[in-house]
């Protein structure tokens, strides 16, 4: 695995949380954090005034944008293992299902 490639400017991917390009591995991690937040809120309800992360209505489209960009950059730069491709596909499927429910 080529860890140096993960931090190259051309391998940066859109961050769902910060809404800016970030090193690939940080954007990848952030996508899963957002997915967990969205699933938690789906199960337990949306905070009246979220203090840490944006409301779900804002997070979901950003997460979908990040997932698409991660897939594109990861494929172009050959940054993902078989397992990371599987996980990205699963989280993208989950985000799409959440979008269909809204």
Foldseek 3Di string as FASTA:
>chain_A
DDPVLQQDPLLWFQALFVRDTGRLVVSLVNLVVLLVVLVVCVVVNWDPDDDPGDTPVSSLVSSLRRLVRSVVSCVVSVPDDPVSVVVSVVSNVSSVVVVVVD
